[in-house]
N, C-alpha and C. Protein backbone atom coordinates (compact mmCIF):
# COMPACT_ATOMS: atom_id res chain seq x y z
N UNK A 1 -48.29 -14.17 -11.01
CA UNK A 1 -46.96 -13.63 -11.63
C UNK A 1 -46.29 -13.45 -10.40
N UNK A 2 -46.79 -12.90 -9.45
CA UNK A 2 -45.95 -12.43 -8.09
C UNK A 2 -45.47 -13.80 -7.49
N UNK A 3 -46.20 -15.00 -7.62
CA UNK A 3 -45.39 -16.14 -7.23
C UNK A 3 -44.23 -16.65 -8.05
N UNK A 4 -44.45 -16.37 -9.15
CA UNK A 4 -43.23 -16.74 -10.10
C UNK A 4 -42.04 -15.88 -9.92
N UNK A 5 -42.30 -14.53 -9.62
CA UNK A 5 -41.20 -13.54 -9.44
C UNK A 5 -40.45 -14.03 -8.16
N UNK A 6 -41.42 -14.39 -7.01
CA UNK A 6 -40.84 -14.73 -5.68
C UNK A 6 -40.00 -16.00 -5.75
N UNK A 7 -40.58 -16.77 -6.38
CA UNK A 7 -39.72 -18.22 -6.75
C UNK A 7 -38.41 -17.99 -7.46
N UNK A 8 -38.40 -17.14 -8.33
CA UNK A 8 -37.17 -16.74 -9.05
C UNK A 8 -36.20 -16.14 -8.18
N UNK A 9 -36.62 -15.10 -6.94
CA UNK A 9 -36.04 -14.49 -6.07
C UNK A 9 -35.38 -15.40 -5.11
N UNK A 10 -35.85 -16.44 -4.68
CA UNK A 10 -35.62 -17.57 -3.68
C UNK A 10 -34.43 -18.50 -4.57
N UNK A 11 -34.66 -18.54 -5.72
CA UNK A 11 -33.78 -19.77 -6.41
C UNK A 11 -32.65 -18.83 -6.61
N UNK A 12 -32.55 -17.52 -6.91
CA UNK A 12 -31.42 -16.98 -7.10
C UNK A 12 -30.65 -16.62 -5.84
N UNK A 13 -31.43 -16.48 -4.58
CA UNK A 13 -30.53 -16.44 -3.43
C UNK A 13 -30.02 -17.85 -2.80
N UNK A 14 -30.61 -19.05 -3.35
CA UNK A 14 -30.00 -20.29 -2.97
C UNK A 14 -28.84 -20.47 -3.90
N UNK A 15 -28.92 -20.22 -5.14
CA UNK A 15 -27.73 -20.34 -5.91
C UNK A 15 -26.54 -19.55 -5.51
N UNK A 16 -26.71 -18.34 -5.06
CA UNK A 16 -25.74 -17.31 -4.79
C UNK A 16 -25.15 -17.99 -3.22
N UNK A 17 -25.87 -19.05 -2.39
CA UNK A 17 -25.28 -19.46 -1.14
C UNK A 17 -24.56 -20.93 -1.40
N UNK A 18 -24.82 -21.43 -2.92
CA UNK A 18 -23.94 -22.54 -3.03
C UNK A 18 -22.40 -22.52 -3.22
N UNK A 19 -21.90 -23.26 -2.68
CA UNK A 19 -20.22 -22.99 -2.66
C UNK A 19 -19.90 -23.41 -4.18
N UNK A 20 -18.89 -22.49 -4.40
CA UNK A 20 -18.36 -22.73 -6.01
C UNK A 20 -16.78 -22.76 -6.01
N UNK A 21 -16.08 -22.87 -5.03
CA UNK A 21 -14.75 -22.91 -5.35
C UNK A 21 -14.40 -24.26 -4.78
N UNK A 22 -13.14 -24.85 -5.52
CA UNK A 22 -12.60 -25.95 -5.07
C UNK A 22 -12.36 -26.11 -3.36
N UNK A 23 -12.17 -25.20 -3.00
CA UNK A 23 -12.19 -25.17 -1.19
C UNK A 23 -13.51 -25.83 -0.74
N UNK A 24 -14.64 -25.13 -1.43
CA UNK A 24 -15.98 -25.42 -1.14
C UNK A 24 -16.29 -26.78 -1.54
N UNK A 25 -15.79 -27.18 -2.70
CA UNK A 25 -16.28 -28.47 -3.18
C UNK A 25 -15.53 -29.51 -1.99
N UNK A 26 -14.42 -29.40 -1.71
CA UNK A 26 -13.81 -30.49 -0.61
C UNK A 26 -14.34 -30.26 0.76
N UNK A 27 -14.91 -29.07 1.15
CA UNK A 27 -15.42 -28.70 2.84
C UNK A 27 -16.87 -29.13 2.53
N UNK A 28 -17.80 -28.98 1.58
CA UNK A 28 -19.10 -29.31 1.33
C UNK A 28 -19.68 -30.38 0.51
N UNK A 29 -19.19 -30.44 -0.98
CA UNK A 29 -19.73 -31.49 -1.70
C UNK A 29 -18.98 -32.81 -1.43
N UNK A 30 -17.97 -32.94 -1.46
CA UNK A 30 -17.36 -34.17 -1.08
C UNK A 30 -18.02 -34.87 0.12
N UNK A 31 -17.93 -34.10 1.21
CA UNK A 31 -18.42 -34.65 2.52
C UNK A 31 -19.97 -34.87 2.47
N UNK A 32 -20.57 -34.49 1.63
CA UNK A 32 -22.29 -34.60 1.57
C UNK A 32 -22.22 -35.65 0.88
N UNK A 33 -21.67 -35.96 -0.43
CA UNK A 33 -21.58 -37.31 -1.37
C UNK A 33 -21.03 -38.39 -0.26
N UNK A 34 -20.20 -38.01 0.41
CA UNK A 34 -19.43 -39.25 1.45
C UNK A 34 -20.66 -39.49 2.39
N UNK A 35 -21.42 -38.67 2.99
CA UNK A 35 -22.40 -38.90 3.96
C UNK A 35 -23.58 -39.76 3.23
N UNK A 36 -23.93 -39.42 2.25
CA UNK A 36 -25.10 -40.21 1.50
C UNK A 36 -24.48 -41.57 1.06
N UNK A 37 -23.27 -41.64 0.77
CA UNK A 37 -22.59 -43.14 0.38
C UNK A 37 -22.52 -43.98 1.76
N UNK A 38 -22.02 -43.17 2.93
CA UNK A 38 -22.14 -43.75 4.24
C UNK A 38 -23.38 -44.80 4.56
N UNK A 39 -24.46 -43.81 4.40
CA UNK A 39 -25.67 -44.23 5.02
C UNK A 39 -26.25 -45.39 3.72
N UNK A 40 -25.89 -45.17 2.52
CA UNK A 40 -26.26 -46.58 1.77
C UNK A 40 -25.29 -47.74 1.97
N UNK A 41 -24.06 -47.51 2.24
CA UNK A 41 -23.16 -48.57 2.80
C UNK A 41 -23.80 -49.43 3.93
N UNK A 42 -24.29 -48.55 4.87
CA UNK A 42 -24.84 -49.09 6.02
C UNK A 42 -25.94 -50.31 5.79
N UNK A 43 -26.92 -49.96 4.82
CA UNK A 43 -27.93 -50.86 4.12
C UNK A 43 -27.04 -52.16 3.71
N UNK A 44 -25.78 -52.09 2.92
CA UNK A 44 -24.95 -52.82 2.66
C UNK A 44 -24.77 -53.99 3.89
N UNK A 45 -24.53 -53.46 4.71
CA UNK A 45 -24.15 -54.21 5.93
C UNK A 45 -25.26 -54.73 6.74
N UNK A 46 -26.31 -54.06 6.79
CA UNK A 46 -27.62 -54.52 7.50
C UNK A 46 -28.26 -55.35 6.73
N UNK A 47 -28.36 -55.28 5.45
CA UNK A 47 -29.30 -56.03 4.83
C UNK A 47 -28.56 -56.73 3.36
N UNK A 48 -27.38 -57.18 3.43
CA UNK A 48 -26.43 -57.52 2.30
C UNK A 48 -27.05 -58.38 1.45
N UNK A 49 -28.14 -59.41 1.68
CA UNK A 49 -28.83 -60.26 0.25
C UNK A 49 -29.72 -59.11 -0.36
N UNK A 50 -30.34 -58.18 0.18
CA UNK A 50 -31.27 -57.48 -0.69
C UNK A 50 -30.17 -56.45 -1.52
N UNK A 51 -29.30 -56.06 -0.72
CA UNK A 51 -28.15 -55.17 -1.49
C UNK A 51 -27.58 -55.95 -2.73
N UNK A 52 -27.33 -57.24 -2.37
CA UNK A 52 -26.59 -57.89 -3.34
C UNK A 52 -27.44 -58.22 -4.69
N UNK A 53 -28.72 -58.54 -4.23
CA UNK A 53 -29.86 -58.63 -5.36
C UNK A 53 -30.05 -57.31 -6.27
N UNK A 54 -30.27 -56.19 -5.48
CA UNK A 54 -30.24 -55.13 -6.11
C UNK A 54 -29.38 -54.70 -7.19
N UNK A 55 -28.04 -54.81 -6.90
CA UNK A 55 -27.15 -54.35 -7.66
C UNK A 55 -26.18 -55.32 -8.22
N UNK A 56 -26.58 -56.72 -8.22
CA UNK A 56 -26.04 -57.73 -9.04
C UNK A 56 -25.99 -57.26 -10.57
N UNK A 57 -24.93 -57.78 -11.37
CA UNK A 57 -23.81 -58.41 -10.80
C UNK A 57 -22.54 -57.43 -10.34
N UNK A 58 -22.87 -56.15 -10.17
CA UNK A 58 -21.85 -55.35 -9.75
C UNK A 58 -21.91 -54.99 -8.29
N UNK A 59 -22.37 -55.69 -7.51
CA UNK A 59 -22.53 -55.44 -6.14
C UNK A 59 -21.36 -55.05 -5.34
N UNK A 60 -20.06 -55.73 -5.87
CA UNK A 60 -18.99 -55.66 -5.06
C UNK A 60 -18.40 -54.22 -5.74
N UNK A 61 -18.50 -53.96 -6.97
CA UNK A 61 -18.01 -52.72 -7.29
C UNK A 61 -18.88 -51.33 -6.83
N UNK A 62 -20.11 -51.74 -6.49
CA UNK A 62 -21.00 -50.59 -5.94
C UNK A 62 -20.64 -50.45 -4.55
N UNK A 63 -20.47 -51.44 -3.59
CA UNK A 63 -20.23 -51.58 -2.29
C UNK A 63 -18.90 -50.82 -2.05
N UNK A 64 -17.99 -51.18 -2.69
CA UNK A 64 -16.54 -50.50 -2.65
C UNK A 64 -16.54 -49.17 -2.92
N UNK A 65 -17.32 -48.90 -4.02
CA UNK A 65 -17.45 -47.28 -4.16
C UNK A 65 -18.04 -46.71 -3.16
N UNK A 66 -19.02 -47.00 -2.87
CA UNK A 66 -19.86 -46.48 -1.41
C UNK A 66 -18.96 -46.20 -0.37
N UNK A 67 -18.10 -47.42 -0.02
CA UNK A 67 -17.14 -47.33 0.96
C UNK A 67 -15.83 -46.27 0.69
N UNK A 68 -15.67 -46.49 -0.11
CA UNK A 68 -14.42 -45.12 -0.81
C UNK A 68 -14.92 -43.96 -0.62
N UNK A 69 -16.09 -43.70 -1.02
CA UNK A 69 -16.69 -42.36 -1.05
C UNK A 69 -16.96 -41.96 0.63
N UNK A 70 -17.63 -42.90 1.25
CA UNK A 70 -17.66 -42.58 2.69
C UNK A 70 -16.23 -42.33 3.23
N UNK A 71 -15.28 -42.75 2.90
CA UNK A 71 -13.98 -42.59 3.71
C UNK A 71 -13.45 -41.09 3.36
N UNK A 72 -13.53 -41.07 1.69
CA UNK A 72 -13.33 -39.69 1.15
C UNK A 72 -14.04 -38.52 1.87
N UNK A 73 -15.36 -38.69 1.93
CA UNK A 73 -16.23 -37.60 2.53
C UNK A 73 -15.89 -37.32 3.93
N UNK A 74 -15.79 -38.38 4.85
CA UNK A 74 -15.56 -38.17 6.36
C UNK A 74 -14.25 -37.61 6.12
N UNK A 75 -13.11 -38.11 5.31
CA UNK A 75 -11.79 -37.43 5.57
C UNK A 75 -11.73 -36.08 5.10
N UNK A 76 -12.45 -35.82 4.17
CA UNK A 76 -12.34 -34.21 3.64
C UNK A 76 -13.15 -33.31 4.61
N UNK A 77 -14.02 -34.11 5.37
CA UNK A 77 -14.97 -33.38 6.26
C UNK A 77 -13.98 -32.81 7.49
N UNK A 78 -13.23 -33.97 7.78
CA UNK A 78 -12.22 -33.70 9.15
C UNK A 78 -11.19 -32.62 8.72
N UNK A 79 -10.64 -33.05 7.29
CA UNK A 79 -9.55 -32.13 7.05
C UNK A 79 -9.79 -30.42 6.75
N UNK A 80 -11.14 -30.15 6.59
CA UNK A 80 -11.59 -28.80 6.39
C UNK A 80 -11.98 -28.39 7.71
N UNK A 81 -11.94 -28.84 8.53
CA UNK A 81 -12.42 -28.32 9.99
C UNK A 81 -11.19 -26.99 10.31
N UNK A 82 -12.11 -26.15 11.24
CA UNK A 82 -11.53 -24.84 11.51
C UNK A 82 -10.40 -25.30 12.77
N UNK A 83 -10.40 -26.49 13.48
CA UNK A 83 -9.45 -26.72 14.34
C UNK A 83 -8.25 -27.33 14.10
N UNK A 84 -8.37 -27.73 12.86
CA UNK A 84 -7.08 -28.20 12.00
C UNK A 84 -6.55 -27.29 10.94
N UNK A 85 -7.08 -25.86 10.81
CA UNK A 85 -6.66 -25.01 9.81
C UNK A 85 -5.35 -24.71 9.94
N UNK A 86 -4.78 -24.42 11.18
CA UNK A 86 -3.34 -24.08 11.32
C UNK A 86 -2.16 -25.13 11.46
N UNK A 87 -2.75 -26.46 11.36
CA UNK A 87 -1.92 -27.43 11.45
C UNK A 87 -1.24 -27.65 10.07
N UNK A 88 -0.04 -28.11 10.00
CA UNK A 88 0.79 -28.43 8.82
C UNK A 88 -0.17 -29.63 8.16
N UNK A 89 -0.16 -29.41 6.53
CA UNK A 89 -0.89 -30.25 5.59
C UNK A 89 -0.63 -31.64 5.82
N UNK A 90 0.42 -32.16 6.16
CA UNK A 90 0.71 -33.62 6.35
C UNK A 90 -0.12 -34.08 7.68
N UNK A 91 0.05 -33.17 8.72
CA UNK A 91 -0.59 -33.59 10.00
C UNK A 91 -2.08 -33.67 9.83
N UNK A 92 -2.70 -32.52 8.89
CA UNK A 92 -4.22 -32.57 8.75
C UNK A 92 -4.65 -33.66 7.83
N UNK A 93 -3.66 -34.31 7.02
CA UNK A 93 -4.15 -35.62 6.13
C UNK A 93 -4.13 -36.83 7.02
N UNK A 94 -3.03 -37.05 7.88
CA UNK A 94 -2.87 -38.18 8.97
C UNK A 94 -4.02 -37.78 10.16
N UNK A 95 -4.47 -36.95 10.53
CA UNK A 95 -5.64 -36.77 11.43
C UNK A 95 -6.94 -37.10 10.72
N UNK A 96 -6.89 -36.58 9.20
CA UNK A 96 -8.21 -37.03 8.69
C UNK A 96 -8.30 -38.37 8.41
N UNK A 97 -7.23 -39.02 8.02
CA UNK A 97 -7.23 -40.48 7.28
C UNK A 97 -7.58 -41.22 8.92
N UNK A 98 -7.07 -40.86 9.82
CA UNK A 98 -7.15 -41.65 11.25
C UNK A 98 -8.60 -41.45 11.60
N UNK A 99 -9.09 -40.20 11.55
CA UNK A 99 -10.52 -40.04 11.86
C UNK A 99 -11.66 -40.63 10.98
N UNK A 100 -11.34 -40.63 9.85
CA UNK A 100 -12.30 -41.54 8.89
C UNK A 100 -12.02 -42.97 8.99
N UNK A 101 -10.82 -43.70 9.30
CA UNK A 101 -10.98 -44.84 9.33
C UNK A 101 -11.41 -45.29 10.56
N UNK A 102 -11.32 -44.61 11.66
CA UNK A 102 -11.89 -44.96 12.98
C UNK A 102 -13.35 -44.85 13.02
N UNK A 103 -13.87 -43.97 12.26
CA UNK A 103 -15.52 -43.90 12.25
C UNK A 103 -16.02 -44.58 11.31
N UNK A 104 -15.56 -45.05 10.18
CA UNK A 104 -16.04 -45.93 9.19
C UNK A 104 -16.10 -47.23 9.62
N UNK A 105 -14.75 -47.83 10.20
CA UNK A 105 -14.65 -49.11 10.56
C UNK A 105 -15.52 -49.43 11.77
N UNK A 106 -15.50 -48.47 12.74
CA UNK A 106 -16.13 -48.73 14.01
C UNK A 106 -17.49 -48.69 13.64
N UNK A 107 -18.31 -47.84 12.69
CA UNK A 107 -19.61 -47.85 12.29
C UNK A 107 -19.80 -49.28 11.84
N UNK A 108 -19.05 -49.90 10.93
CA UNK A 108 -19.28 -51.19 10.36
C UNK A 108 -19.32 -52.21 11.59
N UNK A 109 -18.21 -52.14 12.34
CA UNK A 109 -18.27 -53.20 13.46
C UNK A 109 -19.41 -53.13 14.60
N UNK A 110 -19.90 -51.76 14.54
CA UNK A 110 -21.40 -51.63 15.36
C UNK A 110 -22.58 -51.96 14.52
N UNK A 111 -22.57 -52.01 13.30
CA UNK A 111 -23.81 -52.73 12.48
C UNK A 111 -23.74 -53.92 12.47
N UNK A 112 -22.64 -54.57 12.19
CA UNK A 112 -22.45 -55.80 12.21
C UNK A 112 -22.61 -56.61 13.49
N UNK A 113 -22.17 -56.22 14.38
CA UNK A 113 -22.53 -56.66 15.95
C UNK A 113 -24.11 -56.37 16.07
N UNK A 114 -24.70 -55.31 15.91
CA UNK A 114 -25.92 -55.39 16.30
C UNK A 114 -27.11 -55.95 15.38
N UNK A 115 -26.46 -56.14 14.12
CA UNK A 115 -27.43 -56.78 12.97
C UNK A 115 -27.90 -58.24 13.62
N UNK A 116 -26.77 -59.01 14.36
CA UNK A 116 -27.11 -60.35 14.84
C UNK A 116 -28.27 -60.11 16.17
N UNK A 117 -28.30 -59.17 16.69
CA UNK A 117 -29.21 -58.93 17.94
C UNK A 117 -30.67 -58.44 17.19
N UNK A 118 -30.85 -57.96 16.14
CA UNK A 118 -31.97 -57.48 15.44
C UNK A 118 -32.71 -58.71 15.00
N UNK A 119 -34.15 -58.51 15.06
CA UNK A 119 -34.81 -59.62 14.41
C UNK A 119 -34.45 -59.90 12.87
N UNK A 120 -35.01 -60.98 12.28
CA UNK A 120 -34.61 -61.25 10.95
C UNK A 120 -35.84 -60.45 10.02
N UNK A 121 -35.66 -59.09 10.02
CA UNK A 121 -36.77 -58.31 9.30
C UNK A 121 -36.26 -57.22 8.38
N UNK A 122 -36.13 -57.33 7.10
CA UNK A 122 -35.74 -56.24 6.22
C UNK A 122 -35.97 -54.93 6.68
N UNK A 123 -37.34 -54.73 6.90
CA UNK A 123 -37.81 -53.29 7.01
C UNK A 123 -36.97 -52.81 8.32
N UNK A 124 -36.98 -53.67 9.49
CA UNK A 124 -36.38 -53.18 10.63
C UNK A 124 -35.02 -52.76 10.44
N UNK A 125 -34.26 -53.83 9.82
CA UNK A 125 -32.67 -53.47 9.64
C UNK A 125 -32.48 -52.47 8.73
N UNK A 126 -33.31 -52.22 7.51
CA UNK A 126 -32.86 -51.03 6.82
C UNK A 126 -33.29 -50.04 7.55
N UNK A 127 -34.46 -49.71 8.46
CA UNK A 127 -34.63 -48.48 9.24
C UNK A 127 -33.35 -48.35 10.07
N UNK A 128 -32.91 -49.52 10.79
CA UNK A 128 -31.88 -49.15 11.82
C UNK A 128 -30.70 -48.84 11.35
N UNK A 129 -30.49 -49.42 9.90
CA UNK A 129 -29.22 -49.02 9.34
C UNK A 129 -29.20 -47.61 8.96
N UNK A 130 -30.29 -46.97 8.33
CA UNK A 130 -30.20 -45.44 7.86
C UNK A 130 -30.50 -44.85 9.20
N UNK A 131 -31.31 -44.89 10.23
CA UNK A 131 -31.48 -43.98 11.47
C UNK A 131 -30.00 -44.02 12.38
N UNK A 132 -29.24 -45.36 12.21
CA UNK A 132 -28.04 -45.19 12.99
C UNK A 132 -27.04 -44.57 12.29
N UNK A 133 -26.94 -44.67 11.20
CA UNK A 133 -26.07 -43.93 10.08
C UNK A 133 -26.22 -42.34 10.41
N UNK A 134 -27.49 -42.10 10.06
CA UNK A 134 -27.83 -40.47 10.29
C UNK A 134 -27.32 -40.13 11.82
N UNK A 135 -27.78 -41.10 12.66
CA UNK A 135 -27.37 -40.59 14.24
C UNK A 135 -25.91 -40.49 14.38
N UNK A 136 -25.28 -41.27 13.85
CA UNK A 136 -23.47 -41.24 13.86
C UNK A 136 -23.02 -39.94 13.24
N UNK A 137 -23.49 -39.85 11.95
CA UNK A 137 -23.23 -38.67 11.17
C UNK A 137 -23.60 -37.25 11.99
N UNK A 138 -24.82 -37.28 12.63
CA UNK A 138 -24.92 -36.13 13.56
C UNK A 138 -24.21 -35.85 14.73
N UNK A 139 -23.98 -36.93 15.46
CA UNK A 139 -22.88 -36.86 16.60
C UNK A 139 -21.60 -36.49 16.32
N UNK A 140 -21.19 -37.30 15.00
CA UNK A 140 -19.74 -36.78 14.77
C UNK A 140 -19.59 -35.34 14.30
N UNK A 141 -20.60 -34.77 13.32
CA UNK A 141 -20.63 -33.37 13.14
C UNK A 141 -20.63 -32.38 14.52
N UNK A 142 -21.54 -33.00 15.37
CA UNK A 142 -21.87 -32.01 16.37
C UNK A 142 -20.56 -32.02 17.30
N UNK A 143 -20.11 -33.18 17.19
CA UNK A 143 -18.64 -33.07 18.10
C UNK A 143 -17.76 -32.27 17.63
N UNK A 144 -17.47 -32.34 16.08
CA UNK A 144 -16.50 -31.40 15.58
C UNK A 144 -16.94 -30.06 15.52
N UNK A 145 -18.18 -29.61 15.56
CA UNK A 145 -18.52 -28.32 15.74
C UNK A 145 -18.12 -27.97 16.87
N UNK A 146 -18.60 -28.75 18.04
CA UNK A 146 -18.16 -28.24 19.43
C UNK A 146 -16.67 -27.99 19.42
N UNK A 147 -15.70 -28.82 18.96
CA UNK A 147 -14.22 -28.54 18.96
C UNK A 147 -13.94 -27.37 18.36
N UNK A 148 -14.61 -27.05 17.25
CA UNK A 148 -14.29 -25.83 16.60
C UNK A 148 -14.42 -24.78 17.05
N UNK A 149 -15.75 -24.70 18.09
CA UNK A 149 -16.10 -23.51 19.02
C UNK A 149 -14.76 -23.20 19.84
N UNK A 150 -14.02 -23.98 20.39
CA UNK A 150 -13.24 -23.92 21.27
C UNK A 150 -11.67 -23.28 20.60
N UNK A 151 -11.94 -23.03 19.36
CA UNK A 151 -10.68 -22.46 18.46
C UNK A 151 -10.83 -20.89 18.01
N UNK A 152 -9.93 -20.03 18.36
CA UNK A 152 -10.32 -18.79 18.17
C UNK A 152 -10.31 -18.77 16.74
N UNK A 153 -11.18 -17.61 15.83
CA UNK A 153 -11.30 -17.66 14.69
C UNK A 153 -10.05 -17.27 13.89
N UNK A 154 -9.84 -17.86 12.77
CA UNK A 154 -8.50 -17.49 12.11
C UNK A 154 -8.78 -16.81 10.68
N UNK A 155 -7.92 -15.67 10.79
CA UNK A 155 -8.25 -14.94 9.29
C UNK A 155 -7.93 -15.86 7.97
N UNK A 156 -8.95 -15.63 7.03
CA UNK A 156 -8.97 -16.36 5.94
C UNK A 156 -7.54 -16.58 5.23
N UNK A 157 -6.83 -15.41 5.26
CA UNK A 157 -5.49 -15.57 4.62
C UNK A 157 -4.53 -16.73 5.39
N UNK A 158 -4.87 -16.90 6.56
CA UNK A 158 -3.85 -17.80 7.25
C UNK A 158 -4.11 -19.29 7.02
N UNK A 159 -5.55 -19.61 6.54
CA UNK A 159 -5.76 -20.99 6.48
C UNK A 159 -4.93 -21.68 5.48
N UNK A 160 -4.59 -22.81 6.09
CA UNK A 160 -3.77 -23.61 5.05
C UNK A 160 -4.63 -24.22 3.97
N UNK A 161 -4.21 -24.34 2.71
CA UNK A 161 -5.08 -24.93 1.77
C UNK A 161 -4.21 -26.29 1.45
N UNK A 162 -4.94 -26.78 0.12
CA UNK A 162 -4.48 -27.95 -0.34
C UNK A 162 -2.92 -27.63 -0.98
N UNK A 163 -2.82 -26.49 -1.56
CA UNK A 163 -1.81 -26.10 -2.43
C UNK A 163 -0.43 -26.15 -1.71
N UNK A 164 -0.56 -25.72 -0.29
CA UNK A 164 0.38 -25.61 0.58
C UNK A 164 1.18 -26.88 0.75
């Protein structure tokens, strides 16, 4: 009984911490699904034949959906960063679009270039695609966290939202 009670307490604490507003969805959920899509899209680049077989006949639709989700996720992640919070909305959108395009297309270029250097091993290519996507996401997040530490805290009322 004590274990069940403790599990209920823990699950209640977790649910309280989950973001629930529209801004939270933009800052947390969209980027999370974007990161997942980005990693799965890496598998499309690194091992396209298997990806195509797995998702046939809708392989192109799946790949394009993952690609779009990756762009939206990275874009909204950049958009919601503290260092951009006092910028006008149009500049935040421009900076976010530039960042997501540079990050995603740069990643695809890296994967396509390195794929030709890797042995023709499905397992190795899949592992490399996943690990490199996670590594690039980690470095990108770490960099933006670092940039945000150099910005003074801004009161919540003065943060620009999507409505403005």
